[in-house]
Amino acid sequence: PMSDVHNDEIKVLLDKNKIEHTEAVMYRTVSNDFTKDESFDYDMLV
């Protein structure tokens, strides 16, 4: 199971070792939107 954002490290290593496998996207990262009534008055963002 993979995220929609991933690199090919696992695929490359398994292919190299001739391991039968299937990758499939099962989850994704999306923006967690701010609402209009949320204040955004910060001196620093991390």
ModelCIF file with pLDDT and N, C-alpha, C, O atoms, coordinates in Angstrom:
data_MODEL
#
_entry.id   MODEL 
#
_entity.id                         1 
_entity.type                       polymer 
_entity.pdbx_number_of_molecules   1 
#
_entity_poly.entity_id                      1 
_entity_poly.type                           'polypeptide(L)' 
_entity_poly.nstd_linkage                   no 
_entity_poly.nstd_monomer                   no 
_entity_poly.pdbx_seq_one_letter_code       PMSDVHNDEIKVLLDKNKIEHTEAVMYRTVSNDFTKDESFDYDMLV 
_entity_poly.pdbx_seq_one_letter_code_can   PMSDVHNDEIKVLLDKNKIEHTEAVMYRTVSNDFTKDESFDYDMLV 
_entity_poly.pdbx_strand_id                 A 
#
loop_
_entity_poly_seq.entity_id 
_entity_poly_seq.num 
_entity_poly_seq.mon_id 
_entity_poly_seq.hetero 
1 1  PRO n 
1 2  MET n 
1 3  SER n 
1 4  ASP n 
1 5  VAL n 
1 6  HIS n 
1 7  ASN n 
1 8  ASP n 
1 9  GLU n 
1 10 ILE n 
1 11 LYS n 
1 12 VAL n 
1 13 LEU n 
1 14 LEU n 
1 15 ASP n 
1 16 LYS n 
1 17 ASN n 
1 18 LYS n 
1 19 ILE n 
1 20 GLU n 
1 21 HIS n 
1 22 THR n 
1 23 GLU n 
1 24 ALA n 
1 25 VAL n 
1 26 MET n 
1 27 TYR n 
1 28 ARG n 
1 29 THR n 
1 30 VAL n 
1 31 SER n 
1 32 ASN n 
1 33 ASP n 
1 34 PHE n 
1 35 THR n 
1 36 LYS n 
1 37 ASP n 
1 38 GLU n 
1 39 SER n 
1 40 PHE n 
1 41 ASP n 
1 42 TYR n 
1 43 ASP n 
1 44 MET n 
1 45 LEU n 
1 46 VAL n 
#
_struct_asym.id          A 
_struct_asym.entity_id   1 
#
loop_
_ma_qa_metric.id 
_ma_qa_metric.mode 
_ma_qa_metric.name 
_ma_qa_metric.software_group_id 
_ma_qa_metric.type 
1 global pLDDT . pLDDT 
2 local  pLDDT . pLDDT 
#
_ma_qa_metric_global.metric_id      1 
_ma_qa_metric_global.metric_value   92.59 
_ma_qa_metric_global.model_id       1 
_ma_qa_metric_global.ordinal_id     1 
#
loop_
_ma_qa_metric_local.label_asym_id 
_ma_qa_metric_local.label_comp_id 
_ma_qa_metric_local.label_seq_id 
_ma_qa_metric_local.metric_id 
_ma_qa_metric_local.metric_value 
_ma_qa_metric_local.model_id 
_ma_qa_metric_local.ordinal_id 
A PRO 1  2 97.00 1 1  
A MET 2  2 95.00 1 2  
A SER 3  2 92.00 1 3  
A ASP 4  2 90.00 1 4  
A VAL 5  2 80.00 1 5  
A HIS 6  2 82.00 1 6  
A ASN 7  2 84.00 1 7  
A ASP 8  2 91.00 1 8  
A GLU 9  2 91.00 1 9  
A ILE 10 2 95.00 1 10 
A LYS 11 2 96.00 1 11 
A VAL 12 2 96.00 1 12 
A LEU 13 2 96.00 1 13 
A LEU 14 2 97.00 1 14 
A ASP 15 2 97.00 1 15 
A LYS 16 2 97.00 1 16 
A ASN 17 2 97.00 1 17 
A LYS 18 2 97.00 1 18 
A ILE 19 2 97.00 1 19 
A GLU 20 2 98.00 1 20 
A HIS 21 2 98.00 1 21 
A THR 22 2 97.00 1 22 
A GLU 23 2 96.00 1 23 
A ALA 24 2 96.00 1 24 
A VAL 25 2 96.00 1 25 
A MET 26 2 96.00 1 26 
A TYR 27 2 95.00 1 27 
A ARG 28 2 92.00 1 28 
A THR 29 2 87.00 1 29 
A VAL 30 2 88.00 1 30 
A SER 31 2 88.00 1 31 
A ASN 32 2 90.00 1 32 
A ASP 33 2 89.00 1 33 
A PHE 34 2 88.00 1 34 
A THR 35 2 86.00 1 35 
A LYS 36 2 84.00 1 36 
A ASP 37 2 85.00 1 37 
A GLU 38 2 86.00 1 38 
A SER 39 2 86.00 1 39 
A PHE 40 2 91.00 1 40 
A ASP 41 2 93.00 1 41 
A TYR 42 2 96.00 1 42 
A ASP 43 2 97.00 1 43 
A MET 44 2 98.00 1 44 
A LEU 45 2 98.00 1 45 
A VAL 46 2 98.00 1 46 
#
loop_
_atom_site.group_PDB 
_atom_site.id 
_atom_site.type_symbol 
_atom_site.label_atom_id 
_atom_site.label_alt_id 
_atom_site.label_comp_id 
_atom_site.label_asym_id 
_atom_site.label_entity_id 
_atom_site.label_seq_id 
_atom_site.pdbx_PDB_ins_code 
_atom_site.Cartn_x 
_atom_site.Cartn_y 
_atom_site.Cartn_z 
_atom_site.occupancy 
_atom_site.B_iso_or_equiv 
_atom_site.pdbx_formal_charge 
_atom_site.auth_seq_id 
_atom_site.auth_comp_id 
_atom_site.auth_asym_id 
_atom_site.auth_atom_id 
_atom_site.pdbx_PDB_model_num 
ATOM 1   N N  . PRO A 1 1  ? 0.848   -1.197  0.000  1.00 97.00 ? 1  PRO A N  1 
ATOM 2   C CA . PRO A 1 1  ? 0.000   0.000   0.000  1.00 97.00 ? 1  PRO A CA 1 
ATOM 3   C C  . PRO A 1 1  ? 0.884   1.248   0.000  1.00 97.00 ? 1  PRO A C  1 
ATOM 4   O O  . PRO A 1 1  ? 1.819   1.355   0.794  1.00 97.00 ? 1  PRO A O  1 
ATOM 5   N N  . MET A 1 2  ? 0.580   2.188   -0.898 1.00 95.00 ? 2  MET A N  1 
ATOM 6   C CA . MET A 1 2  ? 1.416   3.386   -1.037 1.00 95.00 ? 2  MET A CA 1 
ATOM 7   C C  . MET A 1 2  ? 0.575   4.656   -0.909 1.00 95.00 ? 2  MET A C  1 
ATOM 8   O O  . MET A 1 2  ? -0.649  4.639   -1.043 1.00 95.00 ? 2  MET A O  1 
ATOM 9   N N  . SER A 1 3  ? 1.280   5.752   -0.646 1.00 92.00 ? 3  SER A N  1 
ATOM 10  C CA . SER A 1 3  ? 0.680   7.080   -0.732 1.00 92.00 ? 3  SER A CA 1 
ATOM 11  C C  . SER A 1 3  ? 0.767   7.550   -2.183 1.00 92.00 ? 3  SER A C  1 
ATOM 12  O O  . SER A 1 3  ? 1.553   7.016   -2.966 1.00 92.00 ? 3  SER A O  1 
ATOM 13  N N  . ASP A 1 4  ? -0.037  8.548   -2.537 1.00 90.00 ? 4  ASP A N  1 
ATOM 14  C CA . ASP A 1 4  ? 0.069   9.109   -3.889 1.00 90.00 ? 4  ASP A CA 1 
ATOM 15  C C  . ASP A 1 4  ? 1.409   9.809   -4.090 1.00 90.00 ? 4  ASP A C  1 
ATOM 16  O O  . ASP A 1 4  ? 1.847   10.016  -5.221 1.00 90.00 ? 4  ASP A O  1 
ATOM 17  N N  . VAL A 1 5  ? 2.060   10.176  -2.972 1.00 80.00 ? 5  VAL A N  1 
ATOM 18  C CA . VAL A 1 5  ? 3.392   10.801  -3.050 1.00 80.00 ? 5  VAL A CA 1 
ATOM 19  C C  . VAL A 1 5  ? 4.405   9.782   -2.537 1.00 80.00 ? 5  VAL A C  1 
ATOM 20  O O  . VAL A 1 5  ? 4.474   9.525   -1.335 1.00 80.00 ? 5  VAL A O  1 
ATOM 21  N N  . HIS A 1 6  ? 5.183   9.206   -3.438 1.00 82.00 ? 6  HIS A N  1 
ATOM 22  C CA . HIS A 1 6  ? 6.190   8.222   -3.038 1.00 82.00 ? 6  HIS A CA 1 
ATOM 23  C C  . HIS A 1 6  ? 7.293   8.172   -4.081 1.00 82.00 ? 6  HIS A C  1 
ATOM 24  O O  . HIS A 1 6  ? 7.114   8.603   -5.220 1.00 82.00 ? 6  HIS A O  1 
ATOM 25  N N  . ASN A 1 7  ? 8.438   7.637   -3.671 1.00 84.00 ? 7  ASN A N  1 
ATOM 26  C CA . ASN A 1 7  ? 9.525   7.453   -4.641 1.00 84.00 ? 7  ASN A CA 1 
ATOM 27  C C  . ASN A 1 7  ? 9.578   5.979   -5.057 1.00 84.00 ? 7  ASN A C  1 
ATOM 28  O O  . ASN A 1 7  ? 8.757   5.174   -4.617 1.00 84.00 ? 7  ASN A O  1 
ATOM 29  N N  . ASP A 1 8  ? 10.535  5.638   -5.892 1.00 91.00 ? 8  ASP A N  1 
ATOM 30  C CA . ASP A 1 8  ? 10.604  4.276   -6.444 1.00 91.00 ? 8  ASP A CA 1 
ATOM 31  C C  . ASP A 1 8  ? 11.596  3.382   -5.715 1.00 91.00 ? 8  ASP A C  1 
ATOM 32  O O  . ASP A 1 8  ? 11.952  2.319   -6.223 1.00 91.00 ? 8  ASP A O  1 
ATOM 33  N N  . GLU A 1 9  ? 12.050  3.794   -4.530 1.00 91.00 ? 9  GLU A N  1 
ATOM 34  C CA . GLU A 1 9  ? 13.083  3.026   -3.813 1.00 91.00 ? 9  GLU A CA 1 
ATOM 35  C C  . GLU A 1 9  ? 12.664  1.568   -3.603 1.00 91.00 ? 9  GLU A C  1 
ATOM 36  O O  . GLU A 1 9  ? 13.428  0.648   -3.896 1.00 91.00 ? 9  GLU A O  1 
ATOM 37  N N  . ILE A 1 10 ? 11.446  1.365   -3.095 1.00 95.00 ? 10 ILE A N  1 
ATOM 38  C CA . ILE A 1 10 ? 10.984  0.008   -2.788 1.00 95.00 ? 10 ILE A CA 1 
ATOM 39  C C  . ILE A 1 10 ? 10.880  -0.831  -4.062 1.00 95.00 ? 10 ILE A C  1 
ATOM 40  O O  . ILE A 1 10 ? 11.343  -1.970  -4.104 1.00 95.00 ? 10 ILE A O  1 
ATOM 41  N N  . LYS A 1 11 ? 10.270  -0.258  -5.091 1.00 96.00 ? 11 LYS A N  1 
ATOM 42  C CA . LYS A 1 11 ? 10.111  -0.966  -6.378 1.00 96.00 ? 11 LYS A CA 1 
ATOM 43  C C  . LYS A 1 11 ? 11.464  -1.379  -6.947 1.00 96.00 ? 11 LYS A C  1 
ATOM 44  O O  . LYS A 1 11 ? 11.641  -2.517  -7.384 1.00 96.00 ? 11 LYS A O  1 
ATOM 45  N N  . VAL A 1 12 ? 12.416  -0.448  -6.939 1.00 96.00 ? 12 VAL A N  1 
ATOM 46  C CA . VAL A 1 12 ? 13.744  -0.720  -7.505 1.00 96.00 ? 12 VAL A CA 1 
ATOM 47  C C  . VAL A 1 12 ? 14.432  -1.857  -6.750 1.00 96.00 ? 12 VAL A C  1 
ATOM 48  O O  . VAL A 1 12 ? 15.006  -2.756  -7.365 1.00 96.00 ? 12 VAL A O  1 
ATOM 49  N N  . LEU A 1 13 ? 14.375  -1.816  -5.411 1.00 96.00 ? 13 LEU A N  1 
ATOM 50  C CA . LEU A 1 13 ? 15.048  -2.847  -4.608 1.00 96.00 ? 13 LEU A CA 1 
ATOM 51  C C  . LEU A 1 13 ? 14.388  -4.215  -4.772 1.00 96.00 ? 13 LEU A C  1 
ATOM 52  O O  . LEU A 1 13 ? 15.079  -5.231  -4.850 1.00 96.00 ? 13 LEU A O  1 
ATOM 53  N N  . LEU A 1 14 ? 13.058  -4.247  -4.825 1.00 97.00 ? 14 LEU A N  1 
ATOM 54  C CA . LEU A 1 14 ? 12.363  -5.530  -4.995 1.00 97.00 ? 14 LEU A CA 1 
ATOM 55  C C  . LEU A 1 14 ? 12.577  -6.105  -6.389 1.00 97.00 ? 14 LEU A C  1 
ATOM 56  O O  . LEU A 1 14 ? 12.765  -7.310  -6.557 1.00 97.00 ? 14 LEU A O  1 
ATOM 57  N N  . ASP A 1 15 ? 12.547  -5.223  -7.388 1.00 97.00 ? 15 ASP A N  1 
ATOM 58  C CA . ASP A 1 15 ? 12.814  -5.683  -8.759 1.00 97.00 ? 15 ASP A CA 1 
ATOM 59  C C  . ASP A 1 15 ? 14.228  -6.254  -8.872 1.00 97.00 ? 15 ASP A C  1 
ATOM 60  O O  . ASP A 1 15 ? 14.453  -7.285  -9.506 1.00 97.00 ? 15 ASP A O  1 
ATOM 61  N N  . LYS A 1 16 ? 15.168  -5.560  -8.244 1.00 97.00 ? 16 LYS A N  1 
ATOM 62  C CA . LYS A 1 16 ? 16.576  -5.976  -8.292 1.00 97.00 ? 16 LYS A CA 1 
ATOM 63  C C  . LYS A 1 16 ? 16.758  -7.371  -7.681 1.00 97.00 ? 16 LYS A C  1 
ATOM 64  O O  . LYS A 1 16 ? 17.592  -8.157  -8.131 1.00 97.00 ? 16 LYS A O  1 
ATOM 65  N N  . ASN A 1 17 ? 15.956  -7.659  -6.643 1.00 97.00 ? 17 ASN A N  1 
ATOM 66  C CA . ASN A 1 17 ? 16.066  -8.958  -5.967 1.00 97.00 ? 17 ASN A CA 1 
ATOM 67  C C  . ASN A 1 17 ? 15.050  -9.983  -6.485 1.00 97.00 ? 17 ASN A C  1 
ATOM 68  O O  . ASN A 1 17 ? 14.856  -11.048 -5.899 1.00 97.00 ? 17 ASN A O  1 
ATOM 69  N N  . LYS A 1 18 ? 14.400  -9.617  -7.621 1.00 97.00 ? 18 LYS A N  1 
ATOM 70  C CA . LYS A 1 18 ? 13.437  -10.516 -8.281 1.00 97.00 ? 18 LYS A CA 1 
ATOM 71  C C  . LYS A 1 18 ? 12.322  -10.981 -7.337 1.00 97.00 ? 18 LYS A C  1 
ATOM 72  O O  . LYS A 1 18 ? 11.943  -12.152 -7.332 1.00 97.00 ? 18 LYS A O  1 
ATOM 73  N N  . ILE A 1 19 ? 11.808  -10.043 -6.542 1.00 97.00 ? 19 ILE A N  1 
ATOM 74  C CA . ILE A 1 19 ? 10.702  -10.313 -5.627 1.00 97.00 ? 19 ILE A CA 1 
ATOM 75  C C  . ILE A 1 19 ? 9.395   -9.935  -6.317 1.00 97.00 ? 19 ILE A C  1 
ATOM 76  O O  . ILE A 1 19 ? 9.236   -8.802  -6.770 1.00 97.00 ? 19 ILE A O  1 
ATOM 77  N N  . GLU A 1 20 ? 8.460   -10.883 -6.399 1.00 98.00 ? 20 GLU A N  1 
ATOM 78  C CA . GLU A 1 20 ? 7.170   -10.605 -7.040 1.00 98.00 ? 20 GLU A CA 1 
ATOM 79  C C  . GLU A 1 20 ? 6.355   -9.688  -6.132 1.00 98.00 ? 20 GLU A C  1 
ATOM 80  O O  . GLU A 1 20 ? 6.133   -9.995  -4.961 1.00 98.00 ? 20 GLU A O  1 
ATOM 81  N N  . HIS A 1 21 ? 5.915   -8.569  -6.680 1.00 98.00 ? 21 HIS A N  1 
ATOM 82  C CA . HIS A 1 21 ? 5.197   -7.596  -5.842 1.00 98.00 ? 21 HIS A CA 1 
ATOM 83  C C  . HIS A 1 21 ? 4.296   -6.696  -6.676 1.00 98.00 ? 21 HIS A C  1 
ATOM 84  O O  . HIS A 1 21 ? 4.482   -6.554  -7.885 1.00 98.00 ? 21 HIS A O  1 
ATOM 85  N N  . THR A 1 22 ? 3.323   -6.095  -6.014 1.00 97.00 ? 22 THR A N  1 
ATOM 86  C CA . THR A 1 22 ? 2.416   -5.122  -6.635 1.00 97.00 ? 22 THR A CA 1 
ATOM 87  C C  . THR A 1 22 ? 2.314   -3.911  -5.721 1.00 97.00 ? 22 THR A C  1 
ATOM 88  O O  . THR A 1 22 ? 2.074   -4.047  -4.521 1.00 97.00 ? 22 THR A O  1 
ATOM 89  N N  . GLU A 1 23 ? 2.496   -2.732  -6.293 1.00 96.00 ? 23 GLU A N  1 
ATOM 90  C CA . GLU A 1 23 ? 2.292   -1.496  -5.533 1.00 96.00 ? 23 GLU A CA 1 
ATOM 91  C C  . GLU A 1 23 ? 0.935   -0.909  -5.914 1.00 96.00 ? 23 GLU A C  1 
ATOM 92  O O  . GLU A 1 23 ? 0.534   -0.962  -7.077 1.00 96.00 ? 23 GLU A O  1 
ATOM 93  N N  . ALA A 1 24 ? 0.238   -0.354  -4.939 1.00 96.00 ? 24 ALA A N  1 
ATOM 94  C CA . ALA A 1 24 ? -1.043  0.284   -5.224 1.00 96.00 ? 24 ALA A CA 1 
ATOM 95  C C  . ALA A 1 24 ? -1.237  1.482   -4.303 1.00 96.00 ? 24 ALA A C  1 
ATOM 96  O O  . ALA A 1 24 ? -0.970  1.406   -3.104 1.00 96.00 ? 24 ALA A O  1 
ATOM 97  N N  . VAL A 1 25 ? -1.705  2.583   -4.874 1.00 96.00 ? 25 VAL A N  1 
ATOM 98  C CA . VAL A 1 25 ? -2.000  3.773   -4.072 1.00 96.00 ? 25 VAL A CA 1 
ATOM 99  C C  . VAL A 1 25 ? -3.299  3.530   -3.307 1.00 96.00 ? 25 VAL A C  1 
ATOM 100 O O  . VAL A 1 25 ? -4.324  3.189   -3.899 1.00 96.00 ? 25 VAL A O  1 
ATOM 101 N N  . MET A 1 26 ? -3.246  3.710   -1.976 1.00 96.00 ? 26 MET A N  1 
ATOM 102 C CA . MET A 1 26 ? -4.439  3.509   -1.151 1.00 96.00 ? 26 MET A CA 1 
ATOM 103 C C  . MET A 1 26 ? -4.821  4.751   -0.351 1.00 96.00 ? 26 MET A C  1 
ATOM 104 O O  . MET A 1 26 ? -5.919  4.828   0.200  1.00 96.00 ? 26 MET A O  1 
ATOM 105 N N  . TYR A 1 27 ? -3.899  5.736   -0.290 1.00 95.00 ? 27 TYR A N  1 
ATOM 106 C CA . TYR A 1 27 ? -4.195  6.971   0.445  1.00 95.00 ? 27 TYR A CA 1 
ATOM 107 C C  . TYR A 1 27 ? -3.417  8.131   -0.159 1.00 95.00 ? 27 TYR A C  1 
ATOM 108 O O  . TYR A 1 27 ? -2.454  7.926   -0.898 1.00 95.00 ? 27 TYR A O  1 
ATOM 109 N N  . ARG A 1 28 ? -3.839  9.344   0.158  1.00 92.00 ? 28 ARG A N  1 
ATOM 110 C CA . ARG A 1 28 ? -3.214  10.521  -0.455 1.00 92.00 ? 28 ARG A CA 1 
ATOM 111 C C  . ARG A 1 28 ? -3.145  11.668  0.546  1.00 92.00 ? 28 ARG A C  1 
ATOM 112 O O  . ARG A 1 28 ? -3.883  11.710  1.530  1.00 92.00 ? 28 ARG A O  1 
ATOM 113 N N  . THR A 1 29 ? -2.244  12.586  0.264  1.00 87.00 ? 29 THR A N  1 
ATOM 114 C CA . THR A 1 29 ? -2.085  13.789  1.087  1.00 87.00 ? 29 THR A CA 1 
ATOM 115 C C  . THR A 1 29 ? -2.842  14.931  0.427  1.00 87.00 ? 29 THR A C  1 
ATOM 116 O O  . THR A 1 29 ? -2.649  15.211  -0.756 1.00 87.00 ? 29 THR A O  1 
ATOM 117 N N  . VAL A 1 30 ? -3.705  15.590  1.196  1.00 88.00 ? 30 VAL A N  1 
ATOM 118 C CA . VAL A 1 30 ? -4.479  16.709  0.661  1.00 88.00 ? 30 VAL A CA 1 
ATOM 119 C C  . VAL A 1 30 ? -4.350  17.917  1.588  1.00 88.00 ? 30 VAL A C  1 
ATOM 120 O O  . VAL A 1 30 ? -3.957  17.782  2.747  1.00 88.00 ? 30 VAL A O  1 
ATOM 121 N N  . SER A 1 31 ? -4.679  19.079  1.075  1.00 88.00 ? 31 SER A N  1 
ATOM 122 C CA . SER A 1 31 ? -4.633  20.311  1.861  1.00 88.00 ? 31 SER A CA 1 
ATOM 123 C C  . SER A 1 31 ? -5.707  20.298  2.939  1.00 88.00 ? 31 SER A C  1 
ATOM 124 O O  . SER A 1 31 ? -6.858  19.945  2.682  1.00 88.00 ? 31 SER A O  1 
ATOM 125 N N  . ASN A 1 32 ? -5.321  20.686  4.144  1.00 90.00 ? 32 ASN A N  1 
ATOM 126 C CA . ASN A 1 32 ? -6.263  20.797  5.269  1.00 90.00 ? 32 ASN A CA 1 
ATOM 127 C C  . ASN A 1 32 ? -6.685  22.266  5.339  1.00 90.00 ? 32 ASN A C  1 
ATOM 128 O O  . ASN A 1 32 ? -6.052  23.069  6.024  1.00 90.00 ? 32 ASN A O  1 
ATOM 129 N N  . ASP A 1 33 ? -7.746  22.604  4.633  1.00 89.00 ? 33 ASP A N  1 
ATOM 130 C CA . ASP A 1 33 ? -8.096  24.008  4.409  1.00 89.00 ? 33 ASP A CA 1 
ATOM 131 C C  . ASP A 1 33 ? -8.510  24.742  5.690  1.00 89.00 ? 33 ASP A C  1 
ATOM 132 O O  . ASP A 1 33 ? -9.151  24.180  6.578  1.00 89.00 ? 33 ASP A O  1 
ATOM 133 N N  . PHE A 1 34 ? -8.122  26.005  5.747  1.00 88.00 ? 34 PHE A N  1 
ATOM 134 C CA . PHE A 1 34 ? -8.514  26.881  6.846  1.00 88.00 ? 34 PHE A CA 1 
ATOM 135 C C  . PHE A 1 34 ? -9.924  27.420  6.596  1.00 88.00 ? 34 PHE A C  1 
ATOM 136 O O  . PHE A 1 34 ? -10.322 27.645  5.453  1.00 88.00 ? 34 PHE A O  1 
ATOM 137 N N  . THR A 1 35 ? -10.662 27.620  7.671  1.00 86.00 ? 35 THR A N  1 
ATOM 138 C CA . THR A 1 35 ? -11.998 28.213  7.551  1.00 86.00 ? 35 THR A CA 1 
ATOM 139 C C  . THR A 1 35 ? -11.886 29.727  7.704  1.00 86.00 ? 35 THR A C  1 
ATOM 140 O O  . THR A 1 35 ? -10.878 30.242  8.187  1.00 86.00 ? 35 THR A O  1 
ATOM 141 N N  . LYS A 1 36 ? -12.924 30.421  7.288  1.00 84.00 ? 36 LYS A N  1 
ATOM 142 C CA . LYS A 1 36 ? -12.899 31.895  7.326  1.00 84.00 ? 36 LYS A CA 1 
ATOM 143 C C  . LYS A 1 36 ? -12.791 32.457  8.735  1.00 84.00 ? 36 LYS A C  1 
ATOM 144 O O  . LYS A 1 36 ? -12.273 33.557  8.932  1.00 84.00 ? 36 LYS A O  1 
ATOM 145 N N  . ASP A 1 37 ? -13.285 31.695  9.724  1.00 85.00 ? 37 ASP A N  1 
ATOM 146 C CA . ASP A 1 37 ? -13.255 32.218  11.094 1.00 85.00 ? 37 ASP A CA 1 
ATOM 147 C C  . ASP A 1 37 ? -11.988 31.819  11.862 1.00 85.00 ? 37 ASP A C  1 
ATOM 148 O O  . ASP A 1 37 ? -11.862 32.117  13.050 1.00 85.00 ? 37 ASP A O  1 
ATOM 149 N N  . GLU A 1 38 ? -11.051 31.144  11.181 1.00 86.00 ? 38 GLU A N  1 
ATOM 150 C CA . GLU A 1 38 ? -9.782  30.813  11.838 1.00 86.00 ? 38 GLU A CA 1 
ATOM 151 C C  . GLU A 1 38 ? -8.820  31.985  11.728 1.00 86.00 ? 38 GLU A C  1 
ATOM 152 O O  . GLU A 1 38 ? -8.564  32.487  10.633 1.00 86.00 ? 38 GLU A O  1 
ATOM 153 N N  . SER A 1 39 ? -8.290  32.417  12.865 1.00 86.00 ? 39 SER A N  1 
ATOM 154 C CA . SER A 1 39 ? -7.331  33.536  12.845 1.00 86.00 ? 39 SER A CA 1 
ATOM 155 C C  . SER A 1 39 ? -5.989  33.046  12.315 1.00 86.00 ? 39 SER A C  1 
ATOM 156 O O  . SER A 1 39 ? -5.628  31.883  12.492 1.00 86.00 ? 39 SER A O  1 
ATOM 157 N N  . PHE A 1 40 ? -5.268  33.927  11.674 1.00 91.00 ? 40 PHE A N  1 
ATOM 158 C CA . PHE A 1 40 ? -3.954  33.582  11.130 1.00 91.00 ? 40 PHE A CA 1 
ATOM 159 C C  . PHE A 1 40 ? -3.009  34.756  11.408 1.00 91.00 ? 40 PHE A C  1 
ATOM 160 O O  . PHE A 1 40 ? -2.581  35.468  10.499 1.00 91.00 ? 40 PHE A O  1 
ATOM 161 N N  . ASP A 1 41 ? -2.704  34.929  12.690 1.00 93.00 ? 41 ASP A N  1 
ATOM 162 C CA . ASP A 1 41 ? -1.911  36.084  13.121 1.00 93.00 ? 41 ASP A CA 1 
ATOM 163 C C  . ASP A 1 41 ? -0.637  35.634  13.828 1.00 93.00 ? 41 ASP A C  1 
ATOM 164 O O  . ASP A 1 41 ? -0.420  35.928  15.003 1.00 93.00 ? 41 ASP A O  1 
ATOM 165 N N  . TYR A 1 42 ? 0.201   34.911  13.082 1.00 96.00 ? 42 TYR A N  1 
ATOM 166 C CA . TYR A 1 42 ? 1.398   34.316  13.676 1.00 96.00 ? 42 TYR A CA 1 
ATOM 167 C C  . TYR A 1 42 ? 2.660   35.101  13.334 1.00 96.00 ? 42 TYR A C  1 
ATOM 168 O O  . TYR A 1 42 ? 2.756   35.748  12.292 1.00 96.00 ? 42 TYR A O  1 
ATOM 169 N N  . ASP A 1 43 ? 3.625   35.020  14.253 1.00 97.00 ? 43 ASP A N  1 
ATOM 170 C CA . ASP A 1 43 ? 4.941   35.626  14.020 1.00 97.00 ? 43 ASP A CA 1 
ATOM 171 C C  . ASP A 1 43 ? 5.875   34.627  13.357 1.00 97.00 ? 43 ASP A C  1 
ATOM 172 O O  . ASP A 1 43 ? 6.896   35.000  12.779 1.00 97.00 ? 43 ASP A O  1 
ATOM 173 N N  . MET A 1 44 ? 5.511   33.340  13.450 1.00 98.00 ? 44 MET A N  1 
ATOM 174 C CA . MET A 1 44 ? 6.367   32.304  12.875 1.00 98.00 ? 44 MET A CA 1 
ATOM 175 C C  . MET A 1 44 ? 5.541   31.096  12.460 1.00 98.00 ? 44 MET A C  1 
ATOM 176 O O  . MET A 1 44 ? 4.615   30.690  13.162 1.00 98.00 ? 44 MET A O  1 
ATOM 177 N N  . LEU A 1 45 ? 5.891   30.518  11.294 1.00 98.00 ? 45 LEU A N  1 
ATOM 178 C CA . LEU A 1 45 ? 5.246   29.304  10.778 1.00 98.00 ? 45 LEU A CA 1 
ATOM 179 C C  . LEU A 1 45 ? 6.324   28.234  10.618 1.00 98.00 ? 45 LEU A C  1 
ATOM 180 O O  . LEU A 1 45 ? 7.406   28.507  10.100 1.00 98.00 ? 45 LEU A O  1 
ATOM 181 N N  . VAL A 1 46 ? 6.020   27.011  11.068 1.00 98.00 ? 46 VAL A N  1 
ATOM 182 C CA . VAL A 1 46 ? 6.997   25.921  10.984 1.00 98.00 ? 46 VAL A CA 1 
ATOM 183 C C  . VAL A 1 46 ? 6.415   24.780  10.149 1.00 98.00 ? 46 VAL A C  1 
ATOM 184 O O  . VAL A 1 46 ? 7.075   23.760  9.952  1.00 98.00 ? 46 VAL A O  1 
#
